[in-house]
Protein backbone atom coordinates (compact mmCIF):
# COMPACT_ATOMS: atom_id res chain seq x y z
CA MET A 1 -61.46 -82.31 -126.24
CA GLN A 2 -63.34 -84.05 -123.41
CA SER A 3 -62.41 -87.55 -122.48
CA PRO A 4 -65.20 -90.17 -123.05
CA ARG A 5 -67.34 -91.02 -120.05
CA PRO A 6 -66.75 -94.54 -118.67
CA SER A 7 -69.58 -96.91 -119.35
CA ARG A 8 -69.45 -98.19 -115.69
CA PRO A 9 -68.92 -96.30 -112.49
CA PRO A 10 -65.46 -96.74 -110.88
CA PRO A 11 -65.05 -99.43 -108.16
CA LEU A 12 -65.81 -97.86 -104.85
CA ASP A 13 -65.51 -98.92 -101.23
CA SER A 14 -68.85 -100.47 -100.22
CA ALA A 15 -68.93 -98.29 -97.11
CA LEU A 16 -69.50 -95.31 -99.41
CA ALA A 17 -72.74 -96.83 -100.55
CA ALA A 18 -74.24 -96.94 -97.05
CA PRO A 19 -77.56 -95.14 -96.77
CA CYS A 20 -77.73 -91.85 -94.90
CA VAL A 21 -79.60 -92.50 -91.74
CA VAL A 22 -81.01 -89.58 -89.77
CA PRO A 23 -82.41 -90.43 -86.36
CA ASP A 24 -86.07 -89.89 -85.77
CA ALA A 25 -87.02 -86.76 -83.78
CA PRO A 26 -87.54 -87.43 -80.07
CA GLU A 27 -91.04 -87.30 -78.69
CA ALA A 28 -89.94 -85.88 -75.36
CA ALA A 29 -90.43 -82.19 -74.83
CA ASP A 30 -87.06 -81.89 -73.09
CA TYR A 31 -84.46 -79.34 -74.18
CA ASP A 32 -81.56 -81.64 -73.41
CA VAL A 33 -83.02 -84.54 -75.30
CA TRP A 34 -83.61 -82.28 -78.37
CA GLN A 35 -80.06 -80.86 -78.05
CA ASP A 36 -78.53 -84.35 -78.04
CA TRP A 37 -80.72 -85.29 -81.00
CA ILE A 38 -79.66 -82.38 -83.15
CA ALA A 39 -76.02 -83.19 -82.42
CA LYS A 40 -76.65 -86.67 -83.71
CA VAL A 41 -78.46 -85.34 -86.77
CA LEU A 42 -75.59 -82.97 -87.62
CA GLY A 43 -73.11 -85.78 -87.21
CA ALA A 44 -75.16 -88.10 -89.47
CA LEU A 45 -75.46 -85.41 -92.17
CA GLY A 46 -71.72 -84.70 -91.86
CA ASP A 47 -70.94 -88.38 -92.47
CA CYS A 48 -73.30 -88.48 -95.41
CA ALA A 49 -71.78 -85.33 -96.94
CA ALA A 50 -68.23 -86.82 -96.47
CA ARG A 51 -69.19 -90.09 -98.25
CA HIS A 52 -70.83 -88.14 -101.08
CA ARG A 53 -67.68 -86.01 -101.50
CA LYS A 54 -65.46 -89.13 -101.68
CA VAL A 55 -67.75 -90.69 -104.34
CA VAL A 56 -67.59 -87.46 -106.43
CA GLU A 57 -63.85 -87.32 -106.06
CA ALA A 58 -63.46 -90.93 -107.11
CA TRP A 59 -65.33 -90.46 -110.44
CA PRO A 60 -62.90 -89.84 -113.33
CA LYS A 61 -62.88 -86.42 -114.72
């Protein structure tokens, strides 16, 4: 038998609700600038995925 779903979401750390911010692509046609940008994008997406995972884990099963 499944447990009933809670009517409200569980209390979460407010930092988990932060928006996922991906930096805009650079306008310079420079390899090093683009390489730095993609490293920032991957870091931002990793942070977003980690926050999402923590929210999913916090939800009662």
